[in-house]
């Protein structure tokens, strides 16, 4: 401490106080002390990074609290970063710099390039068995999708597919609901367009909304990838790890042309931003709204709104819905057996709280929860849970996946096509031109 005569100065008092606090907190080696003073974390504290905001963020914090309750208040340091390219860049750079978190969240579509770049570690059967897990505990689709080169690279928490929200009042007047208020089965292009026509008569205009303006590029991609993969003859958009453009161009053009026809009929919106596309359904200006199931939280917050949710109808030849899965990954670093076991215990604890996660719309990958009576009774979530079986993931490449450069390029052109500002062929031409630099560039990972 610093004294001037008998009295201690304010600066000295504060400095001394901070030093005492630092010593005390550093002695505890708590996450708070580490954050404030840069001291080393207690080796028993698990460092966890994720990308969840909004309702997902609130639910994840509740699940983190569940872990702390079981393992102690200083057992977990959890940090949330902005999702998309910045998040994955931070995970990559931290790992290369030997300062990665112990465990992190990744979209399944982003886990594959991370593994190709040596950023994450494979998860062995022994790792799973150490906490009582095995492949049979998980939904088949996301589990198989994460397997890479015969190795388990990520543990799926959920499947989050593109789904259909519907305004019960509007769809009821259109004659599309059954006695229980659920959407009657719509199967085939003729049925789907008849439904759009019936809704349009009720609303006097728009039948279905898909956000495609105001910088929204992911939703047009999700719509296209859903419809395209429902068709026989659909091929991967890109192959060879991102080096080849292999999309079936005839199907691309025909699928986009069909979407444009819905716009010209006045059934599908020409140009709406993300929130306005929602509001159309919420306020009865449209009967249907297509988006990821995570928007259930927004819909439930609208006073007086009666709505339902369903999987995307099979408009073409087979069920398909664009989707991704949130997964737990283990960034590469030196670990003791005890530290690795702690990572697996954390993952297991998160999976056991999948019911909390499911309330936010996501379909649990962990089967003890997905097959439970509680989840099967959860409405409207259980009504679209079968969409996990029809999930179609983005093709693996270092510049692809959720929130990626690939989605930005392709989604932007699809959004313009929906606005009728570009023909399907013109959109395809620009996509090919703008993807060329990435197709010709070796992965930097």
Protein backbone atom coordinates (compact mmCIF):
# COMPACT_ATOMS: atom_id res chain seq x y z
CA UNK A 1 0.00 0.00 0.00
CA UNK A 2 1.08 3.62 -0.61
CA UNK A 3 0.99 6.07 2.40
CA UNK A 4 1.61 9.83 2.63
CA UNK A 5 2.38 10.46 6.23
CA UNK A 6 -0.28 8.92 8.34
CA UNK A 7 -3.00 9.22 5.71
CA UNK A 8 -3.50 6.95 2.75
CA UNK A 9 -4.27 8.76 -0.57
CA UNK A 10 -7.42 7.95 -2.56
CA UNK A 11 -5.27 6.52 -5.36
CA UNK A 12 -3.34 4.48 -2.86
CA UNK A 13 -6.52 3.26 -1.26
CA UNK A 14 -8.00 2.23 -4.59
CA UNK A 15 -4.77 0.64 -5.73
CA UNK A 16 -4.39 -1.19 -2.49
CA UNK A 17 -7.99 -2.25 -2.53
CA UNK A 18 -7.70 -3.56 -6.06
CA UNK A 19 -4.54 -5.40 -5.15
CA UNK A 20 -6.25 -7.04 -2.21
CA UNK A 21 -9.19 -7.90 -4.40
CA UNK A 22 -6.92 -9.24 -7.10
CA UNK A 23 -5.02 -11.34 -4.61
CA UNK A 24 -8.20 -12.66 -3.13
CA UNK A 25 -9.84 -13.39 -6.45
CA UNK A 26 -6.68 -14.67 -8.07
CA UNK A 27 -6.25 -16.91 -5.08
CA UNK A 28 -9.66 -18.33 -5.92
CA UNK A 29 -8.62 -18.41 -9.65
CA UNK A 30 -12.26 -17.75 -10.49
CA UNK A 31 -13.52 -16.92 -14.00
CA UNK A 32 -14.21 -13.38 -12.74
CA UNK A 33 -10.61 -12.94 -11.55
CA UNK A 34 -9.25 -14.33 -14.78
CA UNK A 35 -11.36 -11.90 -16.76
CA UNK A 36 -10.49 -8.85 -14.63
CA UNK A 37 -6.85 -9.46 -13.92
CA UNK A 38 -5.64 -11.91 -16.54
CA UNK A 39 -4.76 -14.51 -13.93
CA UNK A 40 -4.76 -18.18 -14.77
CA UNK A 41 -8.07 -19.95 -14.46
CA UNK A 42 -8.43 -22.72 -11.97
CA UNK A 43 -7.60 -25.86 -13.97
CA UNK A 44 -10.93 -27.27 -12.90
CA UNK A 45 -12.83 -24.44 -14.65
CA UNK A 46 -14.14 -25.47 -18.04
CA UNK A 47 -13.99 -22.80 -20.77
CA UNK A 48 -16.94 -22.89 -23.17
CA UNK A 49 -17.63 -20.71 -26.22
CA UNK A 50 -20.93 -20.42 -28.03
CA UNK A 51 -22.77 -18.20 -30.49
CA UNK A 52 -26.27 -18.04 -29.03
CA UNK A 53 -28.18 -14.78 -28.68
CA UNK A 54 -31.85 -13.93 -28.20
CA UNK A 55 -34.09 -16.71 -26.93
CA UNK A 56 -31.41 -19.32 -27.66
CA UNK A 57 -28.97 -17.36 -25.54
CA UNK A 58 -31.37 -17.21 -22.61
CA UNK A 59 -32.01 -20.94 -22.74
CA UNK A 60 -28.33 -21.77 -23.07
CA UNK A 61 -27.59 -19.65 -20.00
CA UNK A 62 -30.21 -21.64 -18.09
CA UNK A 63 -28.48 -24.85 -19.18
CA UNK A 64 -25.10 -23.47 -18.16
CA UNK A 65 -26.61 -22.69 -14.76
CA UNK A 66 -27.64 -26.32 -14.56
CA UNK A 67 -24.01 -27.37 -15.04
CA UNK A 68 -22.78 -24.89 -12.41
CA UNK A 69 -25.40 -26.11 -9.96
CA UNK A 70 -24.05 -29.64 -10.33
CA UNK A 71 -20.34 -28.81 -10.39
CA UNK A 72 -19.92 -25.55 -8.48
CA UNK A 73 -20.20 -21.83 -9.27
CA UNK A 74 -16.61 -21.59 -10.53
CA UNK A 75 -16.78 -24.69 -12.65
CA UNK A 76 -17.64 -22.98 -15.94
CA UNK A 77 -16.53 -19.91 -17.85
CA UNK A 78 -19.00 -19.46 -20.72
CA UNK A 79 -18.58 -16.77 -23.37
CA UNK A 80 -20.93 -15.85 -26.20
CA UNK A 81 -19.63 -14.33 -29.44
CA UNK A 82 -21.37 -12.92 -32.50
CA UNK A 83 -22.30 -15.78 -34.77
CA UNK A 84 -21.27 -16.27 -38.40
CA UNK A 85 -17.84 -15.88 -39.94
CA UNK A 86 -16.43 -13.80 -37.01
CA UNK A 87 -17.18 -16.60 -34.53
CA UNK A 88 -15.55 -19.33 -36.58
CA UNK A 89 -12.56 -17.11 -37.30
CA UNK A 90 -12.11 -16.56 -33.56
CA UNK A 91 -12.32 -20.29 -32.80
CA UNK A 92 -9.77 -20.98 -35.53
CA UNK A 93 -7.29 -18.27 -34.52
CA UNK A 94 -7.56 -19.13 -30.82
CA UNK A 95 -6.81 -22.77 -31.57
CA UNK A 96 -3.89 -21.92 -33.84
CA UNK A 97 -2.63 -19.63 -31.07
CA UNK A 98 -2.93 -22.45 -28.53
CA UNK A 99 -5.61 -20.59 -26.53
CA UNK A 100 -8.80 -22.40 -27.54
CA UNK A 101 -11.77 -23.02 -25.29
CA UNK A 102 -12.12 -26.50 -23.82
CA UNK A 103 -15.35 -27.04 -25.73
CA UNK A 104 -17.30 -24.94 -28.23
CA UNK A 105 -20.50 -24.91 -30.23
CA UNK A 106 -20.40 -25.21 -34.00
CA UNK A 107 -22.93 -25.63 -36.73
CA UNK A 108 -22.52 -29.11 -38.15
CA UNK A 109 -21.85 -27.60 -41.58
CA UNK A 110 -18.97 -25.59 -40.11
CA UNK A 111 -17.49 -28.48 -38.13
CA UNK A 112 -16.35 -30.35 -41.22
CA UNK A 113 -14.03 -27.61 -42.57
CA UNK A 114 -12.74 -27.04 -39.02
CA UNK A 115 -11.81 -30.69 -38.84
CA UNK A 116 -10.25 -30.57 -42.32
CA UNK A 117 -8.09 -27.71 -41.08
CA UNK A 118 -6.96 -29.60 -38.00
CA UNK A 119 -8.80 -27.22 -35.66
CA UNK A 120 -10.91 -29.80 -33.82
CA UNK A 121 -10.26 -33.25 -32.42
CA UNK A 122 -12.11 -36.45 -33.21
CA UNK A 123 -14.29 -37.89 -30.46
CA UNK A 124 -13.71 -41.56 -29.78
CA UNK A 125 -16.12 -44.27 -28.75
CA UNK A 126 -14.18 -44.41 -25.48
CA UNK A 127 -14.86 -40.68 -24.94
CA UNK A 128 -18.57 -41.30 -25.42
CA UNK A 129 -18.59 -44.41 -23.26
CA UNK A 130 -16.80 -42.56 -20.45
CA UNK A 131 -20.01 -40.61 -19.80
CA UNK A 132 -22.47 -43.32 -20.81
CA UNK A 133 -23.11 -42.13 -24.37
CA UNK A 134 -23.11 -43.99 -27.67
CA UNK A 135 -24.20 -43.36 -31.24
CA UNK A 136 -27.61 -44.91 -30.53
CA UNK A 137 -28.39 -42.02 -28.17
CA UNK A 138 -28.69 -39.62 -31.11
CA UNK A 139 -31.05 -39.00 -34.01
CA UNK A 140 -29.83 -40.82 -37.08
CA UNK A 141 -29.70 -37.91 -39.52
CA UNK A 142 -27.49 -35.46 -37.62
CA UNK A 143 -25.35 -38.24 -36.21
CA UNK A 144 -24.56 -39.68 -39.62
CA UNK A 145 -24.11 -36.20 -41.09
CA UNK A 146 -21.33 -35.32 -38.66
CA UNK A 147 -19.35 -38.52 -39.30
CA UNK A 148 -16.35 -37.56 -41.42
CA UNK A 149 -13.89 -40.07 -42.79
CA UNK A 150 -15.37 -42.65 -40.47
CA UNK A 151 -14.71 -40.50 -37.41
CA UNK A 152 -17.03 -38.75 -34.96
CA UNK A 153 -16.11 -35.06 -35.13
CA UNK A 154 -19.01 -33.40 -33.27
CA UNK A 155 -21.85 -34.23 -30.91
CA UNK A 156 -25.18 -32.87 -32.17
CA UNK A 157 -27.43 -31.00 -29.76
CA UNK A 158 -30.30 -30.50 -32.19
CA UNK A 159 -31.62 -30.27 -35.71
CA UNK A 160 -33.00 -26.87 -36.70
CA UNK A 161 -34.85 -27.18 -39.99
CA UNK A 162 -36.70 -24.74 -42.23
CA UNK A 163 -40.37 -25.06 -41.25
CA UNK A 164 -43.79 -23.60 -41.94
CA UNK A 165 -45.59 -21.31 -39.50
CA UNK A 166 -49.28 -20.77 -40.17
CA UNK A 167 -51.91 -18.33 -38.96
CA UNK A 168 -54.69 -20.55 -37.62
CA UNK A 169 -57.47 -18.04 -38.23
CA UNK A 170 -56.50 -17.42 -41.85
CA UNK A 171 -55.83 -21.06 -42.68
CA UNK A 172 -59.05 -22.09 -40.94
CA UNK A 173 -61.06 -19.76 -43.18
CA UNK A 174 -59.19 -21.18 -46.17
CA UNK A 175 -60.34 -24.68 -45.21
CA UNK A 176 -56.82 -25.96 -44.59
CA UNK A 177 -57.15 -27.10 -40.96
CA UNK A 178 -58.48 -30.34 -39.50
CA UNK A 179 -60.79 -30.63 -36.50
CA UNK A 180 -57.84 -30.36 -34.11
CA UNK A 181 -56.57 -27.16 -35.67
CA UNK A 182 -53.65 -28.83 -37.39
CA UNK A 183 -52.76 -28.22 -41.00
CA UNK A 184 -54.24 -30.85 -43.30
CA UNK A 185 -51.66 -32.74 -45.33
CA UNK A 186 -50.55 -30.86 -48.41
CA UNK A 187 -48.80 -33.14 -50.86
CA UNK A 188 -47.66 -32.29 -54.35
CA UNK A 189 -47.42 -29.12 -56.37
CA UNK A 190 -51.10 -29.06 -57.28
CA UNK A 191 -52.20 -29.30 -53.64
CA UNK A 192 -49.67 -26.69 -52.54
CA UNK A 193 -50.69 -24.14 -55.15
CA UNK A 194 -54.38 -24.79 -54.40
CA UNK A 195 -53.61 -24.00 -50.74
CA UNK A 196 -51.86 -20.76 -51.72
CA UNK A 197 -54.81 -19.80 -53.90
CA UNK A 198 -57.27 -20.47 -51.07
CA UNK A 199 -55.27 -18.40 -48.58
CA UNK A 200 -54.93 -15.56 -51.06
CA UNK A 201 -58.73 -15.39 -51.34
CA UNK A 202 -58.91 -14.98 -47.55
CA UNK A 203 -56.18 -12.35 -47.23
CA UNK A 204 -57.01 -10.58 -50.47
CA UNK A 205 -53.38 -10.88 -51.54
CA UNK A 206 -50.32 -12.57 -50.13
CA UNK A 207 -50.59 -16.20 -49.10
CA UNK A 208 -47.06 -17.02 -47.92
CA UNK A 209 -44.01 -14.97 -46.96
CA UNK A 210 -40.28 -15.62 -47.24
CA UNK A 211 -37.89 -12.86 -46.18
CA UNK A 212 -35.70 -11.75 -49.09
CA UNK A 213 -34.93 -8.03 -48.67
CA UNK A 214 -33.10 -5.70 -46.33
CA UNK A 215 -29.94 -7.75 -46.53
CA UNK A 216 -31.63 -11.07 -45.82
CA UNK A 217 -29.86 -13.76 -47.85
CA UNK A 218 -30.06 -16.90 -45.71
CA UNK A 219 -33.83 -17.35 -46.01
CA UNK A 220 -33.95 -17.36 -49.84
CA UNK A 221 -31.21 -19.98 -49.74
CA UNK A 222 -33.14 -22.11 -47.25
CA UNK A 223 -36.27 -22.00 -49.43
CA UNK A 224 -34.39 -22.90 -52.59
CA UNK A 225 -32.32 -25.69 -50.99
CA UNK A 226 -35.52 -27.17 -49.53
CA UNK A 227 -37.47 -27.21 -52.80
CA UNK A 228 -34.48 -28.22 -54.96
CA UNK A 229 -33.74 -31.24 -52.78
CA UNK A 230 -37.35 -32.36 -52.95
CA UNK A 231 -36.81 -33.06 -56.64
CA UNK A 232 -35.48 -36.17 -58.30
CA UNK A 233 -32.21 -35.40 -60.03
CA UNK A 234 -31.01 -32.90 -57.42
CA UNK A 235 -27.23 -32.95 -57.13
CA UNK A 236 -24.89 -31.30 -54.62
CA UNK A 237 -24.51 -27.58 -55.30
CA UNK A 238 -20.76 -27.87 -54.82
CA UNK A 239 -18.55 -30.93 -54.53
CA UNK A 240 -14.94 -31.89 -54.04
CA UNK A 241 -14.68 -29.97 -50.80
CA UNK A 242 -15.75 -26.80 -52.57
CA UNK A 243 -13.71 -27.08 -55.76
CA UNK A 244 -16.47 -28.08 -58.18
CA UNK A 245 -19.81 -26.48 -59.05
CA UNK A 246 -22.12 -29.46 -59.52
CA UNK A 247 -25.61 -28.01 -59.14
CA UNK A 248 -28.17 -29.36 -61.61
CA UNK A 249 -28.66 -26.13 -63.53
CA UNK A 250 -31.87 -27.26 -65.23
CA UNK A 251 -33.45 -27.98 -61.84
CA UNK A 252 -32.08 -24.73 -60.44
CA UNK A 253 -33.68 -22.70 -63.21
CA UNK A 254 -36.97 -24.58 -63.11
CA UNK A 255 -37.23 -24.34 -59.31
CA UNK A 256 -36.48 -20.61 -59.25
CA UNK A 257 -38.89 -20.05 -62.14
CA UNK A 258 -41.63 -21.76 -60.11
CA UNK A 259 -40.94 -19.47 -57.16
CA UNK A 260 -41.14 -16.47 -59.47
CA UNK A 261 -44.49 -17.71 -60.77
CA UNK A 262 -45.81 -17.70 -57.18
CA UNK A 263 -44.67 -14.08 -56.90
CA UNK A 264 -46.39 -13.13 -60.15
CA UNK A 265 -49.58 -14.82 -58.96
CA UNK A 266 -49.42 -12.59 -55.89
CA UNK A 267 -49.14 -15.59 -53.54
CA UNK A 268 -45.47 -15.18 -52.50
CA UNK A 269 -44.12 -11.80 -51.43
CA UNK A 270 -41.92 -9.96 -53.89
CA UNK A 271 -39.71 -8.20 -51.35
CA UNK A 272 -39.98 -8.23 -47.54
CA UNK A 273 -37.31 -7.93 -44.88
CA UNK A 274 -36.98 -10.44 -42.05
CA UNK A 275 -39.29 -8.86 -39.48
CA UNK A 276 -41.92 -7.70 -41.99
CA UNK A 277 -42.18 -11.19 -43.45
CA UNK A 278 -43.04 -12.40 -39.94
CA UNK A 279 -45.51 -9.60 -39.30
CA UNK A 280 -47.51 -10.49 -42.40
CA UNK A 281 -48.33 -13.88 -40.88
CA UNK A 282 -48.68 -12.54 -37.34
CA UNK A 283 -51.25 -9.93 -38.45
CA UNK A 284 -53.19 -12.11 -40.90
CA UNK A 285 -51.89 -10.43 -44.04
CA UNK A 286 -50.56 -13.86 -45.01
CA UNK A 287 -51.54 -17.35 -43.94
CA UNK A 288 -48.11 -18.98 -44.00
CA UNK A 289 -44.57 -17.94 -43.18
CA UNK A 290 -41.42 -19.97 -43.84
CA UNK A 291 -38.43 -19.70 -41.51
CA UNK A 292 -36.31 -21.63 -39.06
CA UNK A 293 -38.19 -23.06 -36.10
CA UNK A 294 -36.29 -20.77 -33.71
CA UNK A 295 -38.81 -18.01 -34.49
CA UNK A 296 -41.31 -19.86 -32.31
CA UNK A 297 -40.25 -17.60 -29.45
CA UNK A 298 -41.19 -14.50 -31.45
CA UNK A 299 -44.53 -15.97 -32.50
CA UNK A 300 -45.38 -16.95 -28.93
CA UNK A 301 -44.73 -13.37 -27.81
CA UNK A 302 -47.49 -11.94 -30.05
CA UNK A 303 -50.58 -11.29 -27.96
CA UNK A 304 -53.65 -13.06 -29.27
CA UNK A 305 -51.90 -14.80 -32.15
CA UNK A 306 -53.20 -18.28 -32.82
CA UNK A 307 -50.63 -20.12 -34.88
CA UNK A 308 -49.36 -23.56 -35.67
CA UNK A 309 -46.23 -25.06 -37.14
CA UNK A 310 -45.66 -27.90 -39.57
CA UNK A 311 -42.86 -29.36 -41.62
CA UNK A 312 -42.50 -27.96 -45.14
CA UNK A 313 -44.97 -29.82 -47.39
CA UNK A 314 -43.57 -32.19 -49.98
CA UNK A 315 -44.20 -30.02 -53.01
CA UNK A 316 -42.20 -32.20 -55.40
CA UNK A 317 -41.00 -35.80 -55.32
CA UNK A 318 -39.74 -36.46 -51.79
CA UNK A 319 -39.58 -34.83 -48.34
CA UNK A 320 -36.69 -32.43 -47.76
CA UNK A 321 -36.03 -29.43 -45.56
CA UNK A 322 -32.88 -27.33 -45.38
CA UNK A 323 -31.40 -27.67 -41.93
CA UNK A 324 -28.33 -27.48 -39.79
CA UNK A 325 -27.47 -28.79 -36.34
CA UNK A 326 -25.84 -27.09 -33.38
CA UNK A 327 -23.06 -29.36 -32.19
CA UNK A 328 -20.43 -29.52 -29.50
CA UNK A 329 -16.87 -29.64 -30.80
CA UNK A 330 -13.55 -30.13 -29.01
CA UNK A 331 -10.90 -27.66 -30.25
CA UNK A 332 -7.43 -29.12 -30.54
CA UNK A 333 -5.17 -28.64 -27.51
CA UNK A 334 -3.12 -30.67 -25.07
CA UNK A 335 -5.32 -32.18 -22.38
CA UNK A 336 -4.97 -34.55 -19.50
CA UNK A 337 -7.33 -37.50 -19.34
CA UNK A 338 -9.10 -35.72 -16.48
CA UNK A 339 -9.63 -32.56 -18.54
CA UNK A 340 -10.97 -34.53 -21.49
CA UNK A 341 -13.36 -36.38 -19.22
CA UNK A 342 -14.55 -33.03 -17.84
CA UNK A 343 -15.35 -31.88 -21.38
CA UNK A 344 -17.42 -34.99 -21.97
CA UNK A 345 -19.25 -34.54 -18.66
CA UNK A 346 -20.15 -30.98 -19.67
CA UNK A 347 -21.50 -32.15 -23.04
CA UNK A 348 -23.53 -34.88 -21.36
CA UNK A 349 -25.00 -32.36 -18.90
CA UNK A 350 -26.02 -30.08 -21.77
CA UNK A 351 -27.66 -32.96 -23.64
CA UNK A 352 -29.61 -33.95 -20.54
CA UNK A 353 -31.14 -30.46 -20.54
CA UNK A 354 -32.34 -30.75 -24.15
CA UNK A 355 -35.94 -30.23 -23.06
CA UNK A 356 -35.06 -26.64 -22.18
CA UNK A 357 -33.46 -26.32 -25.61
CA UNK A 358 -36.52 -27.83 -27.32
CA UNK A 359 -38.81 -25.19 -25.87
CA UNK A 360 -37.01 -22.75 -28.17
CA UNK A 361 -38.08 -24.75 -31.22
CA UNK A 362 -35.02 -26.90 -31.87
CA UNK A 363 -35.55 -30.63 -32.36
CA UNK A 364 -33.48 -32.53 -29.79
CA UNK A 365 -30.82 -34.84 -31.20
CA UNK A 366 -30.51 -36.63 -27.85
CA UNK A 367 -33.02 -39.46 -28.09
CA UNK A 368 -33.80 -39.94 -24.38
CA UNK A 369 -35.34 -36.44 -24.59
CA UNK A 370 -36.66 -36.59 -28.19
CA UNK A 371 -38.61 -39.77 -27.48
CA UNK A 372 -39.81 -38.71 -24.04
CA UNK A 373 -43.48 -38.20 -23.25
CA UNK A 374 -42.73 -34.61 -22.28
CA UNK A 375 -41.30 -33.75 -25.71
CA UNK A 376 -43.93 -35.70 -27.64
CA UNK A 377 -46.55 -33.66 -25.79
CA UNK A 378 -44.86 -30.33 -26.49
CA UNK A 379 -46.89 -28.26 -28.97
CA UNK A 380 -46.40 -27.09 -31.62
CA UNK A 381 -42.80 -28.40 -31.51
CA UNK A 382 -43.71 -32.07 -31.78
CA UNK A 383 -45.85 -31.38 -34.86
CA UNK A 384 -42.80 -30.75 -37.02
CA UNK A 385 -40.25 -32.99 -35.29
CA UNK A 386 -40.29 -35.42 -38.22
CA UNK A 387 -38.58 -32.70 -40.28
CA UNK A 388 -35.34 -33.88 -38.68
CA UNK A 389 -35.64 -37.06 -40.73
CA UNK A 390 -35.79 -35.02 -43.95
CA UNK A 391 -32.98 -32.63 -43.06
CA UNK A 392 -30.73 -31.55 -45.91
CA UNK A 393 -27.46 -29.93 -44.89
CA UNK A 394 -25.40 -27.49 -46.93
CA UNK A 395 -22.54 -29.07 -48.85
CA UNK A 396 -19.25 -29.20 -46.93
CA UNK A 397 -16.65 -26.64 -47.92
CA UNK A 398 -14.37 -24.17 -46.16
CA UNK A 399 -16.46 -21.22 -47.42
CA UNK A 400 -19.87 -22.85 -46.87
CA UNK A 401 -22.34 -23.65 -44.12
CA UNK A 402 -24.62 -21.49 -41.99
CA UNK A 403 -23.85 -17.78 -42.08
CA UNK A 404 -21.14 -18.32 -44.69
CA UNK A 405 -19.76 -16.63 -47.77
CA UNK A 406 -21.46 -19.29 -49.90
CA UNK A 407 -24.89 -18.54 -48.44
CA UNK A 408 -24.28 -14.82 -48.87
CA UNK A 409 -23.45 -15.17 -52.57
CA UNK A 410 -26.12 -17.67 -53.58
CA UNK A 411 -28.82 -16.29 -51.25
CA UNK A 412 -28.37 -12.76 -52.56
CA UNK A 413 -29.07 -13.87 -56.13
CA UNK A 414 -32.05 -15.98 -55.08
CA UNK A 415 -33.42 -12.97 -53.20
CA UNK A 416 -33.11 -10.84 -56.32
CA UNK A 417 -34.84 -13.53 -58.38
CA UNK A 418 -37.73 -13.54 -55.89
CA UNK A 419 -37.89 -9.76 -56.31
CA UNK A 420 -38.17 -10.44 -60.07
CA UNK A 421 -35.05 -8.34 -60.55
CA UNK A 422 -33.13 -11.23 -62.10
CA UNK A 423 -34.12 -14.13 -64.31
CA UNK A 424 -33.23 -17.60 -63.05
CA UNK A 425 -30.51 -17.85 -65.70
CA UNK A 426 -29.10 -14.43 -64.82
CA UNK A 427 -29.01 -15.42 -61.15
CA UNK A 428 -27.21 -18.64 -62.04
CA UNK A 429 -24.68 -16.78 -64.17
CA UNK A 430 -23.80 -14.36 -61.36
CA UNK A 431 -23.54 -17.20 -58.84
CA UNK A 432 -21.10 -19.04 -61.08
CA UNK A 433 -19.07 -15.89 -61.62
CA UNK A 434 -18.90 -14.93 -57.92
CA UNK A 435 -18.19 -18.45 -56.66
CA UNK A 436 -15.33 -18.94 -59.13
CA UNK A 437 -12.70 -17.30 -56.95
CA UNK A 438 -13.60 -19.64 -54.07
CA UNK A 439 -13.85 -22.71 -56.26
CA UNK A 440 -10.30 -21.97 -57.45
CA UNK A 441 -8.87 -21.16 -54.01
CA UNK A 442 -7.34 -23.80 -51.78
CA UNK A 443 -8.73 -23.93 -48.25
CA UNK A 444 -6.79 -21.55 -46.00
CA UNK A 445 -7.55 -23.69 -42.96
